[in-house]
Every structure is written in C-alpha cells, then in structure tokens.
Amino acid sequence: MKIAVGTKDFETIATHGGRTRRFLVYEAEAGADPVETGRIELAEEEVLHLCGDGRPHPIDAVRVVVTGSSGAGFVAHMKRRGIEPVTTTETDPVRAIRGWFAGTLQPAPEPEHPHEHHDGHHHGDGHRH
C-alpha cells in the first residue's frame, strides 16, 4: 500500500498537514520495512489547505497520509479523497509507518480550538485564499 508522509525537509515529519509541501511516498505492508518509492513536492497553490476536493491532486495515489498534526478540514479533505489521515507525535517517517501498522503510533493531540483566520472563517470551510 502507498503511504505518504508529510515532511518539513524530506527527513522530519511536518507539523501542519494542510500546509505541508513535501511528502515522502512509501510502499509499505505490515511486517515489512517501508520502502521509499518517491517524493511529492507541491506548489504553494497545491497545498492541501488550499486545494479543493473536486480536482485531481498528486496525493490521490496514496491510501494513507501521515502528518504531525491536522485540523478537521484536513481530515475531511483526506476522507473525501478516500485517503486515511493519520497524525503523530513521531518525527521519523519510517518509525511512524511501522508504529501505524503495529497499532502503537502515538497520535498528535487534538487542537485546543479551531484554527481561525483574522476574518473569522475556519480552515476546511472550502474557501480559497
């Protein structure tokens, strides 16, 4: 199965899934070491926070996306695309994938409050900037 891991630098898991521009793509199965099979680098307008659900996206080829954190809008976008969103406090992509398969991955804490913009609308409202 293909799993994408959002990264800051193609090494460390990024903390904001919706704003992440770099993803490592792994082919992974339970009980086997994940194998990096590619990388995705998104243009600014392709970040998942800004990209609507109605058009194709480079992330569509994966079944799971792992990030350091995500809001409700990101989770909803991923689910509508048929992708399982996973958050974690782990910073190493391979350890995160292994932990997800083993059921031991520590999830990132839920945000304390909705992420709002200065104009009061929330991420995930389907808006564009």
N, C-alpha and C. Protein backbone atom coordinates (compact mmCIF):
# COMPACT_ATOMS: atom_id res chain seq x y z
N MET A 1 0.85 -1.17 0.00
CA MET A 1 0.00 0.00 0.00
C MET A 1 0.89 1.23 0.00
N LYS A 2 0.43 2.28 -0.67
CA LYS A 2 1.20 3.53 -0.72
C LYS A 2 0.81 4.41 0.46
N ILE A 3 1.84 4.90 1.15
CA ILE A 3 1.66 5.80 2.29
C ILE A 3 2.51 7.04 2.05
N ALA A 4 1.92 8.22 2.18
CA ALA A 4 2.67 9.47 2.07
C ALA A 4 2.88 10.03 3.47
N VAL A 5 4.08 10.53 3.71
CA VAL A 5 4.42 11.15 4.99
C VAL A 5 4.80 12.60 4.72
N GLY A 6 4.03 13.53 5.30
CA GLY A 6 4.32 14.95 5.14
C GLY A 6 5.59 15.31 5.91
N THR A 7 6.51 16.00 5.24
CA THR A 7 7.77 16.35 5.87
C THR A 7 8.08 17.84 5.71
N LYS A 8 8.93 18.32 6.62
CA LYS A 8 9.44 19.68 6.50
C LYS A 8 10.54 19.74 5.45
N ASP A 9 11.35 18.68 5.41
CA ASP A 9 12.62 18.71 4.69
C ASP A 9 12.96 17.37 4.04
N PHE A 10 11.96 16.56 3.78
CA PHE A 10 12.13 15.19 3.29
C PHE A 10 12.87 14.31 4.29
N GLU A 11 12.88 14.73 5.57
CA GLU A 11 13.51 13.92 6.62
C GLU A 11 12.66 13.82 7.88
N THR A 12 12.10 14.94 8.32
CA THR A 12 11.37 15.02 9.58
C THR A 12 9.90 15.29 9.30
N ILE A 13 9.01 14.60 10.01
CA ILE A 13 7.57 14.78 9.80
C ILE A 13 7.15 16.21 10.11
N ALA A 14 6.41 16.80 9.19
CA ALA A 14 5.93 18.18 9.32
C ALA A 14 4.80 18.26 10.34
N THR A 15 4.65 19.43 10.93
CA THR A 15 3.66 19.59 11.99
C THR A 15 2.31 20.09 11.50
N HIS A 16 2.17 20.57 10.29
CA HIS A 16 0.90 21.12 9.82
C HIS A 16 0.55 20.46 8.49
N GLY A 17 -0.28 19.41 8.53
CA GLY A 17 -0.60 18.64 7.34
C GLY A 17 -1.16 19.45 6.19
N GLY A 18 -2.03 20.39 6.48
CA GLY A 18 -2.66 21.17 5.42
C GLY A 18 -1.74 22.13 4.71
N ARG A 19 -0.62 22.47 5.33
CA ARG A 19 0.34 23.40 4.74
C ARG A 19 1.60 22.71 4.22
N THR A 20 1.71 21.42 4.41
CA THR A 20 2.90 20.67 4.03
C THR A 20 3.05 20.64 2.51
N ARG A 21 4.26 20.89 2.02
CA ARG A 21 4.53 20.87 0.58
C ARG A 21 5.37 19.68 0.15
N ARG A 22 6.01 19.00 1.11
CA ARG A 22 6.90 17.89 0.76
C ARG A 22 6.43 16.59 1.41
N PHE A 23 6.28 15.58 0.60
CA PHE A 23 5.84 14.27 1.08
C PHE A 23 6.80 13.19 0.59
N LEU A 24 7.15 12.31 1.49
CA LEU A 24 7.86 11.08 1.12
C LEU A 24 6.79 10.04 0.84
N VAL A 25 6.95 9.27 -0.22
CA VAL A 25 5.98 8.23 -0.55
C VAL A 25 6.65 6.87 -0.35
N TYR A 26 5.97 6.02 0.40
CA TYR A 26 6.49 4.69 0.72
C TYR A 26 5.54 3.62 0.22
N GLU A 27 6.11 2.50 -0.15
CA GLU A 27 5.35 1.28 -0.36
C GLU A 27 5.55 0.51 0.94
N ALA A 28 4.46 0.13 1.60
CA ALA A 28 4.59 -0.49 2.92
C ALA A 28 3.51 -1.53 3.14
N GLU A 29 3.89 -2.57 3.85
CA GLU A 29 2.97 -3.63 4.27
C GLU A 29 3.31 -4.01 5.70
N ALA A 30 2.35 -4.52 6.41
CA ALA A 30 2.57 -4.97 7.79
C ALA A 30 3.68 -6.02 7.81
N GLY A 31 4.59 -5.90 8.76
CA GLY A 31 5.65 -6.88 8.94
C GLY A 31 6.85 -6.71 8.03
N ALA A 32 6.83 -5.72 7.13
CA ALA A 32 7.96 -5.47 6.23
C ALA A 32 8.43 -4.04 6.40
N ASP A 33 9.70 -3.80 6.13
CA ASP A 33 10.21 -2.44 6.21
C ASP A 33 9.63 -1.58 5.09
N PRO A 34 9.18 -0.36 5.41
CA PRO A 34 8.70 0.55 4.37
C PRO A 34 9.83 0.89 3.41
N VAL A 35 9.50 1.01 2.14
CA VAL A 35 10.48 1.34 1.12
C VAL A 35 10.06 2.65 0.46
N GLU A 36 10.95 3.65 0.50
CA GLU A 36 10.65 4.92 -0.15
C GLU A 36 10.62 4.69 -1.66
N THR A 37 9.51 5.10 -2.28
CA THR A 37 9.35 4.89 -3.72
C THR A 37 9.22 6.19 -4.50
N GLY A 38 9.15 7.31 -3.79
CA GLY A 38 9.02 8.58 -4.49
C GLY A 38 8.88 9.74 -3.53
N ARG A 39 8.80 10.91 -4.12
CA ARG A 39 8.61 12.14 -3.36
C ARG A 39 7.62 13.01 -4.10
N ILE A 40 6.85 13.76 -3.32
CA ILE A 40 5.92 14.72 -3.90
C ILE A 40 6.33 16.09 -3.36
N GLU A 41 6.51 17.03 -4.25
CA GLU A 41 6.75 18.41 -3.82
C GLU A 41 5.68 19.27 -4.47
N LEU A 42 4.83 19.84 -3.64
CA LEU A 42 3.68 20.60 -4.12
C LEU A 42 4.04 22.06 -4.32
N ALA A 43 3.42 22.67 -5.33
CA ALA A 43 3.48 24.11 -5.50
C ALA A 43 2.63 24.72 -4.38
N GLU A 44 2.87 25.98 -4.08
CA GLU A 44 2.13 26.65 -2.99
C GLU A 44 0.62 26.52 -3.17
N GLU A 45 0.13 26.66 -4.40
CA GLU A 45 -1.32 26.59 -4.62
C GLU A 45 -1.87 25.16 -4.55
N GLU A 46 -0.98 24.17 -4.48
CA GLU A 46 -1.41 22.77 -4.36
C GLU A 46 -1.47 22.26 -2.93
N VAL A 47 -1.03 23.06 -1.95
CA VAL A 47 -1.06 22.57 -0.58
C VAL A 47 -2.48 22.16 -0.25
N LEU A 48 -2.62 21.16 0.57
CA LEU A 48 -3.93 20.56 0.81
C LEU A 48 -4.91 21.50 1.50
N HIS A 49 -4.40 22.51 2.20
CA HIS A 49 -5.28 23.50 2.83
C HIS A 49 -6.01 24.32 1.77
N LEU A 50 -5.35 24.56 0.64
CA LEU A 50 -5.93 25.42 -0.39
C LEU A 50 -6.61 24.66 -1.51
N CYS A 51 -6.27 23.39 -1.68
CA CYS A 51 -6.76 22.61 -2.81
C CYS A 51 -8.15 22.06 -2.52
N GLY A 52 -9.07 22.33 -3.41
CA GLY A 52 -10.42 21.82 -3.24
C GLY A 52 -10.51 20.33 -3.52
N ASP A 53 -11.65 19.75 -3.20
CA ASP A 53 -11.84 18.31 -3.36
C ASP A 53 -12.18 17.90 -4.79
N GLY A 54 -12.60 18.84 -5.62
CA GLY A 54 -13.14 18.48 -6.92
C GLY A 54 -12.14 18.28 -8.04
N ARG A 55 -10.86 18.47 -7.79
CA ARG A 55 -9.89 18.30 -8.87
C ARG A 55 -8.82 17.28 -8.48
N PRO A 56 -8.21 16.64 -9.46
CA PRO A 56 -7.16 15.67 -9.16
C PRO A 56 -5.99 16.33 -8.42
N HIS A 57 -5.30 15.54 -7.63
CA HIS A 57 -4.18 16.04 -6.83
C HIS A 57 -3.10 14.97 -6.75
N PRO A 58 -1.82 15.35 -6.69
CA PRO A 58 -0.75 14.36 -6.61
C PRO A 58 -0.88 13.39 -5.42
N ILE A 59 -1.53 13.80 -4.35
CA ILE A 59 -1.66 12.94 -3.16
C ILE A 59 -2.68 11.82 -3.38
N ASP A 60 -3.48 11.92 -4.43
CA ASP A 60 -4.54 10.94 -4.67
C ASP A 60 -4.04 9.51 -4.87
N ALA A 61 -2.77 9.33 -5.17
CA ALA A 61 -2.22 7.99 -5.44
C ALA A 61 -1.96 7.19 -4.17
N VAL A 62 -2.13 7.79 -2.97
CA VAL A 62 -1.80 7.08 -1.74
C VAL A 62 -3.07 6.68 -1.00
N ARG A 63 -2.93 5.72 -0.08
CA ARG A 63 -4.08 5.26 0.72
C ARG A 63 -4.08 5.87 2.11
N VAL A 64 -2.88 6.27 2.60
CA VAL A 64 -2.73 6.82 3.94
C VAL A 64 -1.80 8.02 3.84
N VAL A 65 -2.10 9.08 4.59
CA VAL A 65 -1.18 10.21 4.70
C VAL A 65 -0.92 10.46 6.18
N VAL A 66 0.37 10.55 6.53
CA VAL A 66 0.80 10.74 7.91
C VAL A 66 1.37 12.15 8.05
N THR A 67 0.89 12.89 9.06
CA THR A 67 1.42 14.22 9.34
C THR A 67 1.54 14.40 10.85
N GLY A 68 2.21 15.47 11.23
CA GLY A 68 2.39 15.74 12.65
C GLY A 68 1.14 16.26 13.31
N SER A 69 0.31 16.97 12.58
CA SER A 69 -0.96 17.45 13.12
C SER A 69 -1.88 17.79 11.96
N SER A 70 -3.14 17.91 12.26
CA SER A 70 -4.09 18.32 11.23
C SER A 70 -5.37 18.76 11.90
N GLY A 71 -6.04 19.66 11.23
CA GLY A 71 -7.33 20.10 11.72
C GLY A 71 -8.45 19.31 11.09
N ALA A 72 -9.66 19.62 11.49
CA ALA A 72 -10.84 18.92 10.99
C ALA A 72 -11.00 19.06 9.49
N GLY A 73 -10.64 20.23 8.93
CA GLY A 73 -10.75 20.44 7.49
C GLY A 73 -9.84 19.52 6.71
N PHE A 74 -8.60 19.36 7.17
CA PHE A 74 -7.65 18.47 6.52
C PHE A 74 -8.16 17.03 6.57
N VAL A 75 -8.62 16.61 7.73
CA VAL A 75 -9.15 15.25 7.90
C VAL A 75 -10.31 15.03 6.93
N ALA A 76 -11.23 15.98 6.85
CA ALA A 76 -12.38 15.85 5.96
C ALA A 76 -11.95 15.79 4.49
N HIS A 77 -10.99 16.64 4.08
CA HIS A 77 -10.48 16.61 2.71
C HIS A 77 -9.91 15.24 2.38
N MET A 78 -9.10 14.71 3.27
CA MET A 78 -8.47 13.41 3.02
C MET A 78 -9.52 12.30 2.91
N LYS A 79 -10.47 12.29 3.81
CA LYS A 79 -11.50 11.26 3.79
C LYS A 79 -12.34 11.34 2.52
N ARG A 80 -12.65 12.55 2.06
CA ARG A 80 -13.42 12.69 0.81
C ARG A 80 -12.61 12.18 -0.38
N ARG A 81 -11.30 12.21 -0.29
CA ARG A 81 -10.44 11.69 -1.36
C ARG A 81 -10.19 10.19 -1.20
N GLY A 82 -10.72 9.58 -0.15
CA GLY A 82 -10.52 8.15 0.08
C GLY A 82 -9.17 7.84 0.70
N ILE A 83 -8.58 8.82 1.38
CA ILE A 83 -7.27 8.67 2.00
C ILE A 83 -7.44 8.72 3.50
N GLU A 84 -6.81 7.79 4.21
CA GLU A 84 -6.88 7.78 5.66
C GLU A 84 -5.86 8.76 6.23
N PRO A 85 -6.32 9.79 6.96
CA PRO A 85 -5.39 10.73 7.59
C PRO A 85 -4.92 10.20 8.94
N VAL A 86 -3.62 10.29 9.19
CA VAL A 86 -3.03 9.82 10.44
C VAL A 86 -2.15 10.94 10.99
N THR A 87 -2.31 11.26 12.26
CA THR A 87 -1.41 12.24 12.89
C THR A 87 -0.55 11.54 13.92
N THR A 88 0.61 12.14 14.19
CA THR A 88 1.51 11.51 15.14
C THR A 88 2.45 12.53 15.77
N THR A 89 2.93 12.17 16.95
CA THR A 89 3.99 12.94 17.60
C THR A 89 5.36 12.44 17.15
N GLU A 90 5.41 11.30 16.48
CA GLU A 90 6.67 10.75 15.97
C GLU A 90 7.24 11.70 14.91
N THR A 91 8.55 11.84 14.86
CA THR A 91 9.18 12.71 13.88
C THR A 91 9.87 11.95 12.75
N ASP A 92 10.12 10.64 12.95
CA ASP A 92 10.80 9.84 11.95
C ASP A 92 9.76 9.13 11.07
N PRO A 93 9.79 9.35 9.74
CA PRO A 93 8.78 8.75 8.86
C PRO A 93 8.71 7.23 8.92
N VAL A 94 9.83 6.54 8.90
CA VAL A 94 9.82 5.07 8.90
C VAL A 94 9.28 4.54 10.23
N ARG A 95 9.70 5.14 11.34
CA ARG A 95 9.18 4.70 12.65
C ARG A 95 7.67 4.95 12.73
N ALA A 96 7.21 6.06 12.14
CA ALA A 96 5.78 6.36 12.15
C ALA A 96 4.99 5.29 11.39
N ILE A 97 5.47 4.90 10.23
CA ILE A 97 4.78 3.88 9.44
C ILE A 97 4.78 2.55 10.17
N ARG A 98 5.92 2.17 10.72
CA ARG A 98 5.98 0.91 11.48
C ARG A 98 5.00 0.94 12.65
N GLY A 99 4.96 2.07 13.36
CA GLY A 99 4.05 2.23 14.50
C GLY A 99 2.59 2.18 14.09
N TRP A 100 2.28 2.75 12.92
CA TRP A 100 0.90 2.72 12.44
C TRP A 100 0.47 1.28 12.18
N PHE A 101 1.32 0.51 11.50
CA PHE A 101 0.98 -0.89 11.24
C PHE A 101 0.86 -1.68 12.54
N ALA A 102 1.73 -1.39 13.52
CA ALA A 102 1.73 -2.13 14.78
C ALA A 102 0.62 -1.69 15.73
N GLY A 103 -0.03 -0.56 15.42
CA GLY A 103 -1.06 -0.03 16.31
C GLY A 103 -0.50 0.67 17.53
N THR A 104 0.77 1.05 17.47
CA THR A 104 1.42 1.70 18.61
C THR A 104 1.75 3.15 18.35
N LEU A 105 1.36 3.69 17.21
CA LEU A 105 1.70 5.07 16.86
C LEU A 105 0.99 6.04 17.79
N GLN A 106 1.75 6.93 18.39
CA GLN A 106 1.19 7.94 19.30
C GLN A 106 0.58 9.06 18.45
N PRO A 107 -0.74 9.27 18.53
CA PRO A 107 -1.35 10.34 17.73
C PRO A 107 -1.00 11.72 18.26
N ALA A 108 -1.01 12.70 17.37
CA ALA A 108 -0.81 14.08 17.78
C ALA A 108 -2.03 14.52 18.58
N PRO A 109 -1.85 15.41 19.56
CA PRO A 109 -3.01 15.88 20.31
C PRO A 109 -3.95 16.70 19.43
N GLU A 110 -5.22 16.64 19.75
CA GLU A 110 -6.22 17.43 19.03
C GLU A 110 -5.95 18.91 19.29
N PRO A 111 -6.17 19.77 18.28
CA PRO A 111 -6.03 21.21 18.53
C PRO A 111 -6.99 21.65 19.62
N GLU A 112 -6.54 22.60 20.46
CA GLU A 112 -7.39 23.06 21.57
C GLU A 112 -8.58 23.87 21.09
N HIS A 113 -8.43 24.55 19.95
CA HIS A 113 -9.52 25.35 19.40
C HIS A 113 -9.38 25.35 17.89
N PRO A 114 -10.47 25.64 17.18
CA PRO A 114 -10.39 25.67 15.71
C PRO A 114 -9.38 26.71 15.26
N HIS A 115 -8.69 26.40 14.20
CA HIS A 115 -7.71 27.31 13.62
C HIS A 115 -8.47 28.35 12.81
N GLU A 116 -8.41 29.60 13.23
CA GLU A 116 -9.19 30.64 12.56
C GLU A 116 -8.29 31.64 11.88
N HIS A 117 -8.82 32.28 10.87
CA HIS A 117 -8.16 33.38 10.20
C HIS A 117 -8.65 34.68 10.82
N HIS A 118 -8.01 35.78 10.48
CA HIS A 118 -8.40 37.08 11.01
C HIS A 118 -9.82 37.46 10.64
N ASP A 119 -10.38 36.91 9.55
CA ASP A 119 -11.73 37.26 9.16
C ASP A 119 -12.78 36.32 9.77
N GLY A 120 -12.33 35.39 10.62
CA GLY A 120 -13.27 34.58 11.37
C GLY A 120 -13.69 33.28 10.73
N HIS A 121 -13.29 33.01 9.47
CA HIS A 121 -13.70 31.71 8.91
C HIS A 121 -12.65 30.66 9.26
N HIS A 122 -13.09 29.43 9.25
CA HIS A 122 -12.26 28.31 9.69
C HIS A 122 -11.63 27.59 8.52
N HIS A 123 -10.51 26.94 8.78
CA HIS A 123 -9.92 26.02 7.80
C HIS A 123 -10.95 24.96 7.50
N GLY A 124 -10.98 24.50 6.27
CA GLY A 124 -11.90 23.42 5.94
C GLY A 124 -13.28 23.90 5.51
N ASP A 125 -13.47 25.23 5.45
CA ASP A 125 -14.76 25.75 5.02
C ASP A 125 -14.91 25.73 3.50
N GLY A 126 -13.90 25.21 2.80
CA GLY A 126 -13.98 25.15 1.35
C GLY A 126 -13.58 26.46 0.68
N HIS A 127 -13.01 27.36 1.43
CA HIS A 127 -12.61 28.66 0.88
C HIS A 127 -11.24 28.59 0.21
N ARG A 128 -10.96 29.60 -0.57
CA ARG A 128 -9.63 29.74 -1.18
C ARG A 128 -9.08 31.09 -0.77
N HIS A 129 -7.78 31.14 -0.68
CA HIS A 129 -7.12 32.41 -0.31
C HIS A 129 -6.64 33.12 -1.55
